[in-house]
Amino acid sequence: MFTAIDHLVIVVPELEAAIRDYAAAGFNVVRGGRHNIGTHNALIAFADDSYLELIAFQNPVAGHPWYRALEKGGGIVDFCMQTDDLEADVEAMRQAGVAMGVPSRMTRERPDGYRLSWVLAITGSPFNGLIPFLIRDETPRAERVPRERSHRNGITGIRSLTIAVEDPWATSAPYMRVLGRSAAPIQRSELDGAGARMMIGPHAVDLIAPNTAEGPLVDWIRVRGQSPYGATLAGRANAHLDAALLWHARLLVSESREARSWKAE
């Protein structure tokens, strides 16, 4: 079963510049190292045990869904879910009609030389970014996730992820199959949208469709396709993130799960 959001993936064109900007936005950013697939990353870990992953390609990979998203502006492009039984959840999603790849091993070498390894089950097209990919650690998760979890901006975790979709209830079917419970209807007036909310551990995943033929979600889907739109982070009421420093990732801070306003790019 899904147990919590493991991390959100934010793709950027240049990692060192993104590290500088996110640090300027008040985050404690830790360099993660290099993957065996030609990417490198930096991590922003939170007190709720989730994290943001800033990831960049060292060379162009034209067919990769994250690289295609980068060509359209980058930002939040995907998300990873913790699971207590990866194989069972993969099978449940396949039975719900989701294309899931064969679980495969990945590695990352940290700057200190420690070699991390884990198993990923990745969603195939057209489910990338709509349905999470899944992870099972081989090395201890405590080694994969930075221990530095205090941030100058006061952010403590992820509250919710908003995904722009055309049909929230069809998209929620794989979630409901894995979790064994129904989604809750939700209105998102600030987006002129409505849809389905799935609570997964401490985190909410909102699948939101436009209410009308115009509006921010309509524009987003037209340009980006159905995909992650933004995330609400947990923090103090007066916390503020400078959107100019976030490399097109829509990140808001709220004491509740609801986003108060989304700044247009």
Protein backbone atom coordinates (compact mmCIF):
# COMPACT_ATOMS: atom_id res chain seq x y z
CA MET A 1 0.00 0.00 0.00
CA PHE A 2 1.08 3.58 -0.60
CA THR A 3 2.17 5.05 2.73
CA ALA A 4 3.41 8.60 2.00
CA ILE A 5 4.90 10.84 -0.67
CA ASP A 6 8.61 9.99 -0.73
CA HIS A 7 9.65 13.04 -2.77
CA LEU A 8 8.70 15.50 -5.49
CA VAL A 9 10.91 15.75 -8.60
CA ILE A 10 11.83 19.24 -9.82
CA VAL A 11 13.76 19.18 -13.09
CA VAL A 12 16.14 22.09 -13.76
CA PRO A 13 18.48 22.89 -16.65
CA GLU A 14 21.52 23.67 -14.49
CA LEU A 15 21.94 22.12 -11.05
CA GLU A 16 24.48 24.47 -9.46
CA ALA A 17 22.44 27.56 -10.35
CA ALA A 18 19.29 25.92 -8.96
CA ILE A 19 21.12 25.05 -5.73
CA ARG A 20 22.14 28.69 -5.30
CA ASP A 21 18.62 29.96 -5.91
CA TYR A 22 16.88 27.48 -3.61
CA ALA A 23 19.43 28.28 -0.91
CA ALA A 24 18.64 31.97 -1.42
CA ALA A 25 14.95 31.08 -0.97
CA GLY A 26 15.78 29.79 2.52
CA PHE A 27 16.19 26.06 1.91
CA ASN A 28 18.99 23.90 3.23
CA VAL A 29 20.10 22.21 0.00
CA VAL A 30 22.31 19.11 0.12
CA ARG A 31 24.13 17.83 -2.97
CA GLY A 32 23.02 14.30 -3.67
CA GLY A 33 25.50 13.05 -6.25
CA ARG A 34 25.35 11.32 -9.63
CA HIS A 35 22.94 8.64 -10.82
CA ASN A 36 23.79 5.72 -13.06
CA ILE A 37 21.42 7.11 -15.76
CA GLY A 38 23.29 10.36 -16.49
CA THR A 39 21.61 12.74 -14.06
CA HIS A 40 22.75 14.45 -10.88
CA ASN A 41 20.75 15.95 -8.06
CA ALA A 42 20.46 17.93 -4.86
CA LEU A 43 17.95 17.28 -2.09
CA ILE A 44 15.87 19.41 0.28
CA ALA A 45 14.74 17.17 3.14
CA PHE A 46 11.92 17.99 5.55
CA ALA A 47 10.97 17.11 9.10
CA ASP A 48 8.02 15.04 7.83
CA ASP A 49 10.53 12.66 6.14
CA SER A 50 9.66 13.79 2.59
CA TYR A 51 11.93 15.83 0.32
CA LEU A 52 12.26 17.84 -2.86
CA GLU A 53 14.67 16.55 -5.48
CA LEU A 54 16.34 19.07 -7.78
CA ILE A 55 17.55 17.04 -10.76
CA ALA A 56 19.42 17.95 -13.93
CA PHE A 57 20.52 16.00 -16.99
CA GLN A 58 24.25 15.98 -17.63
CA ASN A 59 23.56 15.33 -21.32
CA PRO A 60 20.35 15.63 -23.37
CA VAL A 61 18.07 12.57 -23.24
CA ALA A 62 15.44 13.41 -25.85
CA GLY A 63 13.04 10.56 -25.11
CA HIS A 64 12.95 10.89 -21.34
CA PRO A 65 9.62 12.31 -20.04
CA TRP A 66 11.44 14.57 -17.56
CA TYR A 67 13.64 15.94 -20.34
CA ARG A 68 10.57 16.64 -22.46
CA ALA A 69 9.06 18.46 -19.47
CA LEU A 70 12.29 20.43 -19.07
CA GLU A 71 11.99 21.60 -22.68
CA LYS A 72 8.54 22.95 -21.78
CA GLY A 73 9.81 24.85 -18.74
CA GLY A 74 10.64 22.27 -16.06
CA GLY A 75 9.43 22.64 -12.49
CA ILE A 76 7.62 19.82 -10.67
CA VAL A 77 7.44 16.98 -13.18
CA ASP A 78 6.87 13.81 -11.18
CA PHE A 79 6.63 12.31 -7.71
CA CYS A 80 7.69 9.18 -5.90
CA MET A 81 5.57 7.24 -3.41
CA GLN A 82 6.69 5.14 -0.47
CA THR A 83 5.09 1.70 -0.35
CA ASP A 84 5.04 -1.16 2.11
CA ASP A 85 4.83 -3.71 -0.73
CA LEU A 86 6.22 -2.54 -4.07
CA GLU A 87 5.40 -5.68 -6.06
CA ALA A 88 1.80 -5.83 -4.82
CA ASP A 89 1.23 -2.14 -5.59
CA VAL A 90 2.73 -2.53 -9.07
CA GLU A 91 0.37 -5.41 -9.76
CA ALA A 92 -2.63 -3.48 -8.39
CA MET A 93 -1.86 -0.53 -10.66
CA ARG A 94 -1.44 -2.81 -13.67
CA GLN A 95 -4.85 -4.33 -12.92
CA ALA A 96 -6.22 -0.77 -12.87
CA GLY A 97 -4.82 -0.19 -16.39
CA VAL A 98 -1.60 1.65 -15.54
CA ALA A 99 1.49 0.88 -17.62
CA MET A 100 4.19 -0.03 -15.08
CA GLY A 101 7.73 -0.97 -15.96
CA VAL A 102 9.54 -3.94 -14.48
CA PRO A 103 11.05 -2.90 -11.11
CA SER A 104 14.70 -2.13 -11.71
CA ARG A 105 17.74 -1.28 -9.62
CA MET A 106 19.21 2.21 -9.57
CA THR A 107 22.26 3.68 -7.86
CA ARG A 108 23.62 7.06 -6.85
CA GLU A 109 27.08 7.88 -5.59
CA ARG A 110 27.05 10.62 -2.97
CA PRO A 111 29.80 13.27 -2.91
CA ASP A 112 31.36 11.45 0.09
CA GLY A 113 31.67 8.25 -1.99
CA TYR A 114 28.82 6.31 -0.35
CA ARG A 115 27.00 4.28 -2.99
CA LEU A 116 23.23 4.18 -2.58
CA SER A 117 20.99 1.61 -4.24
CA TRP A 118 17.25 1.15 -4.52
CA VAL A 119 14.59 -0.45 -6.72
CA LEU A 120 12.21 1.71 -8.76
CA ALA A 121 8.96 0.82 -10.49
CA ILE A 122 8.32 3.55 -13.05
CA THR A 123 5.06 4.46 -14.74
CA GLY A 124 4.96 4.45 -18.52
CA SER A 125 3.30 6.89 -20.91
CA PRO A 126 0.75 8.46 -20.58
CA PHE A 127 0.80 8.01 -16.80
CA ASN A 128 4.09 9.82 -16.05
CA GLY A 129 3.41 12.49 -13.45
CA LEU A 130 -0.23 11.43 -12.99
CA ILE A 131 0.49 8.20 -11.13
CA PRO A 132 3.55 8.02 -8.85
CA PHE A 133 6.59 5.90 -9.41
CA LEU A 134 7.45 3.62 -6.50
CA ILE A 135 10.62 3.02 -4.53
CA ARG A 136 12.08 0.33 -2.29
CA ASP A 137 15.44 1.04 -0.69
CA GLU A 138 18.24 -1.52 -0.70
CA THR A 139 20.67 0.64 1.26
CA PRO A 140 19.11 2.33 4.32
CA ARG A 141 16.67 5.12 3.46
CA ALA A 142 18.34 7.22 6.16
CA GLU A 143 21.41 7.29 3.91
CA ARG A 144 19.38 8.38 0.85
CA VAL A 145 17.55 11.23 2.57
CA PRO A 146 19.69 14.05 4.03
CA ARG A 147 19.70 14.47 7.80
CA GLU A 148 19.78 18.27 7.46
CA ARG A 149 16.04 19.08 7.72
CA SER A 150 15.88 22.55 9.25
CA HIS A 151 15.31 25.48 6.88
CA ARG A 152 15.70 29.21 7.32
CA ASN A 153 12.29 29.76 5.70
CA GLY A 154 10.60 27.58 8.35
CA ILE A 155 9.23 24.93 5.97
CA THR A 156 8.72 21.53 7.61
CA GLY A 157 7.20 19.27 4.97
CA ILE A 158 4.83 18.63 2.09
CA ARG A 159 1.10 19.10 2.64
CA SER A 160 -0.36 18.44 -0.81
CA LEU A 161 0.44 17.93 -4.46
CA THR A 162 -1.94 19.27 -7.12
CA ILE A 163 -2.09 17.47 -10.47
CA ALA A 164 -3.94 18.98 -13.44
CA VAL A 165 -6.06 16.31 -15.11
CA GLU A 166 -8.95 16.03 -17.52
CA ASP A 167 -10.93 13.37 -15.63
CA PRO A 168 -10.19 13.26 -11.86
CA TRP A 169 -12.28 10.18 -11.15
CA ALA A 170 -10.76 8.09 -13.93
CA THR A 171 -7.28 9.16 -12.82
CA SER A 172 -8.08 8.34 -9.18
CA ALA A 173 -9.02 4.72 -9.98
CA PRO A 174 -5.47 3.30 -9.61
CA TYR A 175 -5.04 5.15 -6.30
CA MET A 176 -8.31 3.75 -4.99
CA ARG A 177 -7.35 0.25 -6.15
CA VAL A 178 -4.05 0.36 -4.23
CA LEU A 179 -5.42 2.11 -1.13
CA GLY A 180 -8.69 0.21 -0.94
CA ARG A 181 -10.79 3.31 -0.33
CA SER A 182 -12.56 6.03 -2.27
CA ALA A 183 -11.28 9.50 -3.09
CA ALA A 184 -13.00 12.54 -1.59
CA PRO A 185 -14.55 15.23 -3.83
CA ILE A 186 -12.86 18.61 -3.51
CA GLN A 187 -13.39 22.11 -4.89
CA ARG A 188 -10.37 24.27 -5.72
CA SER A 189 -11.89 27.68 -6.38
CA GLU A 190 -8.53 29.46 -6.66
CA LEU A 191 -7.86 27.27 -9.72
CA ASP A 192 -11.45 27.36 -11.01
CA GLY A 193 -11.31 23.60 -10.71
CA ALA A 194 -12.68 20.58 -8.89
CA GLY A 195 -11.78 16.95 -8.52
CA ALA A 196 -10.71 14.14 -6.22
CA ARG A 197 -8.44 14.12 -3.17
CA MET A 198 -6.56 11.05 -1.97
CA MET A 199 -5.05 11.15 1.52
CA ILE A 200 -1.86 9.08 1.63
CA GLY A 201 -0.31 9.07 5.08
CA PRO A 202 0.28 12.72 6.01
CA HIS A 203 0.03 13.93 2.42
CA ALA A 204 -2.79 14.82 0.05
CA VAL A 205 -2.79 14.22 -3.71
CA ASP A 206 -5.37 16.44 -5.46
CA LEU A 207 -6.45 15.45 -8.97
CA ILE A 208 -8.06 18.62 -10.30
CA ALA A 209 -9.85 19.33 -13.60
CA PRO A 210 -10.95 22.72 -14.95
CA ASN A 211 -14.52 23.77 -14.26
CA THR A 212 -14.76 25.88 -17.40
CA ALA A 213 -13.20 26.24 -20.84
CA GLU A 214 -10.82 28.94 -19.63
CA GLY A 215 -8.51 29.35 -16.67
CA PRO A 216 -5.10 28.34 -15.33
CA LEU A 217 -5.65 24.59 -15.51
CA VAL A 218 -6.92 24.78 -19.09
CA ASP A 219 -3.81 26.73 -20.09
CA TRP A 220 -1.55 24.33 -18.18
CA ILE A 221 -2.97 21.19 -19.78
CA ARG A 222 -2.82 22.76 -23.24
CA VAL A 223 0.90 23.55 -22.88
CA ARG A 224 2.16 20.86 -20.49
CA GLY A 225 -0.41 18.11 -20.80
CA GLN A 226 -1.90 16.43 -17.75
CA SER A 227 0.84 16.74 -15.15
CA PRO A 228 1.79 18.06 -11.69
CA TYR A 229 0.72 21.69 -11.34
CA GLY A 230 2.07 22.70 -7.94
CA ALA A 231 2.59 21.75 -4.31
CA THR A 232 1.64 23.23 -0.97
CA LEU A 233 4.33 22.99 1.71
CA ALA A 234 3.88 23.08 5.48
CA GLY A 235 5.21 26.15 7.24
CA ARG A 236 4.46 29.17 9.34
CA ALA A 237 1.63 31.45 8.29
CA ASN A 238 3.86 34.36 7.28
CA ALA A 239 6.34 32.28 5.27
CA HIS A 240 6.88 33.37 1.68
CA LEU A 241 8.83 31.87 -1.20
CA ASP A 242 10.11 34.05 -4.02
CA ALA A 243 8.77 32.42 -7.19
CA ALA A 244 11.67 33.89 -9.19
CA LEU A 245 14.06 31.58 -7.28
CA LEU A 246 12.12 28.34 -7.76
CA TRP A 247 12.89 27.50 -11.40
CA HIS A 248 9.22 27.28 -12.45
CA ALA A 249 8.20 25.00 -9.56
CA ARG A 250 4.91 26.25 -8.12
CA LEU A 251 5.53 25.96 -4.38
CA LEU A 252 3.32 27.67 -1.82
CA VAL A 253 3.46 27.63 1.97
CA SER A 254 0.34 27.19 4.07
CA GLU A 255 -0.66 26.15 7.59
CA SER A 256 -3.46 24.10 5.98
CA ARG A 257 -3.47 21.81 2.95
CA GLU A 258 -5.13 24.45 0.78
CA ALA A 259 -3.14 26.69 -1.53
CA ARG A 260 -4.12 30.32 -0.99
CA SER A 261 -3.02 31.74 -4.34
CA TRP A 262 -0.92 30.58 -7.26
CA LYS A 263 1.44 33.07 -8.83
CA ALA A 264 1.24 33.00 -12.62
CA GLU A 265 4.51 32.57 -14.49
